[in-house]
């Protein structure tokens, strides 16, 4: 049995987690720039950030349509 009342609640919680993770990655990318990290590491983190941002937008659009 789930603690979520509705699918909307579950999606909202997931959305909050994605926003938190996106912010963490943003902070990591900033630190990597300061430390002159290699391009491969930076690109991997930035790609993860973009994927999460896309997922955030997809969920936000889905919640608006409910």
N, C-alpha and C. Protein backbone atom coordinates (compact mmCIF):
# COMPACT_ATOMS: atom_id res chain seq x y z
N UNK A 1 0.83 -1.18 0.00
CA UNK A 1 0.00 0.00 0.00
C UNK A 1 0.88 1.24 0.00
N UNK A 2 0.51 2.23 -0.72
CA UNK A 2 1.29 3.44 -0.88
C UNK A 2 0.87 4.51 0.11
N UNK A 3 1.81 5.40 0.45
CA UNK A 3 1.51 6.55 1.31
C UNK A 3 0.90 7.70 0.51
N UNK A 4 0.88 7.57 -0.80
CA UNK A 4 0.37 8.64 -1.66
C UNK A 4 -1.13 8.49 -1.84
N UNK A 5 -1.82 9.61 -1.71
CA UNK A 5 -3.27 9.59 -1.86
C UNK A 5 -3.66 9.42 -3.32
N UNK A 6 -2.95 10.08 -4.19
CA UNK A 6 -3.30 10.05 -5.61
C UNK A 6 -2.04 9.96 -6.45
N UNK A 7 -2.24 9.68 -7.71
CA UNK A 7 -1.12 9.68 -8.65
C UNK A 7 -0.52 11.08 -8.72
N UNK A 8 -1.36 12.10 -8.58
CA UNK A 8 -0.90 13.49 -8.60
C UNK A 8 0.09 13.73 -7.45
N UNK A 9 -0.21 13.22 -6.26
CA UNK A 9 0.68 13.38 -5.11
C UNK A 9 2.02 12.70 -5.37
N UNK A 10 1.97 11.52 -5.95
CA UNK A 10 3.19 10.78 -6.25
C UNK A 10 4.04 11.54 -7.26
N UNK A 11 3.39 12.06 -8.31
CA UNK A 11 4.13 12.83 -9.31
C UNK A 11 4.69 14.12 -8.73
N UNK A 12 3.96 14.75 -7.86
CA UNK A 12 4.43 15.99 -7.22
C UNK A 12 5.66 15.72 -6.36
N UNK A 13 5.65 14.62 -5.63
CA UNK A 13 6.80 14.24 -4.81
C UNK A 13 8.00 13.93 -5.70
N UNK A 14 7.77 13.21 -6.78
CA UNK A 14 8.84 12.89 -7.72
C UNK A 14 9.40 14.17 -8.34
N UNK A 15 8.55 15.11 -8.65
CA UNK A 15 8.95 16.38 -9.22
C UNK A 15 9.84 17.16 -8.25
N UNK A 16 9.48 17.16 -6.98
CA UNK A 16 10.30 17.83 -5.96
C UNK A 16 11.68 17.19 -5.89
N UNK A 17 11.74 15.88 -5.95
CA UNK A 17 13.02 15.17 -5.90
C UNK A 17 13.87 15.50 -7.14
N UNK A 18 13.24 15.56 -8.30
CA UNK A 18 13.97 15.92 -9.52
C UNK A 18 14.52 17.33 -9.44
N UNK A 19 13.74 18.25 -8.91
CA UNK A 19 14.22 19.63 -8.76
C UNK A 19 15.41 19.69 -7.81
N UNK A 20 15.34 18.93 -6.73
CA UNK A 20 16.45 18.89 -5.77
C UNK A 20 17.71 18.33 -6.43
N UNK A 21 17.55 17.26 -7.18
CA UNK A 21 18.69 16.64 -7.85
C UNK A 21 19.27 17.56 -8.92
N UNK A 22 18.40 18.28 -9.63
CA UNK A 22 18.86 19.23 -10.66
C UNK A 22 19.71 20.32 -10.01
N UNK A 23 19.27 20.82 -8.87
CA UNK A 23 20.01 21.86 -8.15
C UNK A 23 21.36 21.32 -7.69
N UNK A 24 21.39 20.10 -7.19
CA UNK A 24 22.65 19.48 -6.77
C UNK A 24 23.62 19.38 -7.94
N UNK A 25 23.12 18.93 -9.09
CA UNK A 25 23.97 18.82 -10.27
C UNK A 25 24.46 20.19 -10.72
N UNK A 26 23.61 21.19 -10.63
CA UNK A 26 24.01 22.54 -11.00
C UNK A 26 25.18 23.00 -10.12
N UNK A 27 25.08 22.74 -8.82
CA UNK A 27 26.16 23.09 -7.90
C UNK A 27 27.44 22.31 -8.22
N UNK A 28 27.29 21.03 -8.55
CA UNK A 28 28.45 20.20 -8.91
C UNK A 28 29.14 20.74 -10.15
N UNK A 29 28.35 21.10 -11.16
CA UNK A 29 28.91 21.63 -12.41
C UNK A 29 29.68 22.92 -12.13
N UNK A 30 29.13 23.78 -11.31
CA UNK A 30 29.82 25.03 -10.97
C UNK A 30 31.16 24.73 -10.29
N UNK A 31 31.18 23.78 -9.37
CA UNK A 31 32.42 23.43 -8.69
C UNK A 31 33.42 22.81 -9.67
N UNK A 32 32.94 22.01 -10.59
CA UNK A 32 33.83 21.39 -11.57
C UNK A 32 34.47 22.45 -12.46
N UNK A 33 33.72 23.48 -12.82
CA UNK A 33 34.29 24.58 -13.60
C UNK A 33 35.39 25.28 -12.80
N UNK A 34 35.12 25.53 -11.53
CA UNK A 34 36.11 26.20 -10.68
C UNK A 34 37.38 25.38 -10.57
N UNK A 35 37.23 24.07 -10.52
CA UNK A 35 38.37 23.16 -10.36
C UNK A 35 38.98 22.73 -11.70
N UNK A 36 38.49 23.30 -12.78
CA UNK A 36 38.99 22.97 -14.13
C UNK A 36 38.95 21.48 -14.40
N UNK A 37 37.81 20.89 -14.15
CA UNK A 37 37.63 19.46 -14.37
C UNK A 37 37.70 19.14 -15.86
N UNK A 38 37.95 17.89 -16.16
CA UNK A 38 38.05 17.48 -17.56
C UNK A 38 36.68 17.59 -18.25
N UNK A 39 36.74 17.75 -19.56
CA UNK A 39 35.52 17.95 -20.36
C UNK A 39 34.56 16.77 -20.26
N UNK A 40 35.09 15.56 -20.20
CA UNK A 40 34.22 14.39 -20.15
C UNK A 40 33.36 14.39 -18.89
N UNK A 41 33.95 14.71 -17.78
CA UNK A 41 33.20 14.77 -16.51
C UNK A 41 32.15 15.87 -16.56
N UNK A 42 32.56 17.04 -17.03
CA UNK A 42 31.61 18.16 -17.14
C UNK A 42 30.46 17.82 -18.07
N UNK A 43 30.76 17.26 -19.21
CA UNK A 43 29.72 16.91 -20.18
C UNK A 43 28.75 15.87 -19.63
N UNK A 44 29.25 14.92 -18.88
CA UNK A 44 28.40 13.88 -18.29
C UNK A 44 27.42 14.51 -17.28
N UNK A 45 27.94 15.39 -16.43
CA UNK A 45 27.08 16.06 -15.44
C UNK A 45 26.05 16.96 -16.12
N UNK A 46 26.49 17.69 -17.13
CA UNK A 46 25.58 18.58 -17.84
C UNK A 46 24.50 17.80 -18.59
N UNK A 47 24.86 16.65 -19.13
CA UNK A 47 23.88 15.80 -19.81
C UNK A 47 22.85 15.28 -18.81
N UNK A 48 23.31 14.89 -17.63
CA UNK A 48 22.39 14.44 -16.58
C UNK A 48 21.44 15.57 -16.19
N UNK A 49 21.98 16.79 -16.07
CA UNK A 49 21.16 17.95 -15.74
C UNK A 49 20.07 18.18 -16.78
N UNK A 50 20.46 18.08 -18.06
CA UNK A 50 19.49 18.27 -19.14
C UNK A 50 18.41 17.19 -19.13
N UNK A 51 18.81 15.95 -18.88
CA UNK A 51 17.85 14.87 -18.83
C UNK A 51 16.83 15.13 -17.71
N UNK A 52 17.33 15.53 -16.55
CA UNK A 52 16.44 15.80 -15.42
C UNK A 52 15.53 16.99 -15.73
N UNK A 53 16.07 18.03 -16.36
CA UNK A 53 15.26 19.20 -16.71
C UNK A 53 14.14 18.80 -17.67
N UNK A 54 14.45 17.95 -18.65
CA UNK A 54 13.43 17.45 -19.57
C UNK A 54 12.34 16.68 -18.82
N UNK A 55 12.76 15.86 -17.88
CA UNK A 55 11.81 15.08 -17.09
C UNK A 55 10.93 16.00 -16.25
N UNK A 56 11.52 17.06 -15.69
CA UNK A 56 10.76 18.04 -14.91
C UNK A 56 9.69 18.68 -15.78
N UNK A 57 10.08 19.11 -16.98
CA UNK A 57 9.11 19.74 -17.88
C UNK A 57 8.00 18.77 -18.28
N UNK A 58 8.37 17.52 -18.55
CA UNK A 58 7.37 16.52 -18.93
C UNK A 58 6.37 16.31 -17.80
N UNK A 59 6.87 16.19 -16.58
CA UNK A 59 5.97 16.00 -15.43
C UNK A 59 5.12 17.23 -15.16
N UNK A 60 5.71 18.41 -15.26
CA UNK A 60 4.94 19.64 -15.04
C UNK A 60 3.80 19.74 -16.05
N UNK A 61 4.07 19.43 -17.29
CA UNK A 61 3.03 19.47 -18.31
C UNK A 61 1.96 18.42 -18.04
N UNK A 62 2.35 17.27 -17.57
CA UNK A 62 1.39 16.22 -17.23
C UNK A 62 0.52 16.60 -16.06
N UNK A 63 1.11 17.26 -15.06
CA UNK A 63 0.33 17.68 -13.90
C UNK A 63 -0.66 18.78 -14.25
N UNK A 64 -0.27 19.66 -15.16
CA UNK A 64 -1.17 20.74 -15.59
C UNK A 64 -2.37 20.18 -16.33
N UNK A 65 -2.18 19.07 -17.04
CA UNK A 65 -3.26 18.50 -17.85
C UNK A 65 -4.19 17.60 -17.03
N UNK A 66 -3.85 17.33 -15.78
CA UNK A 66 -4.71 16.46 -14.95
C UNK A 66 -5.88 17.22 -14.40
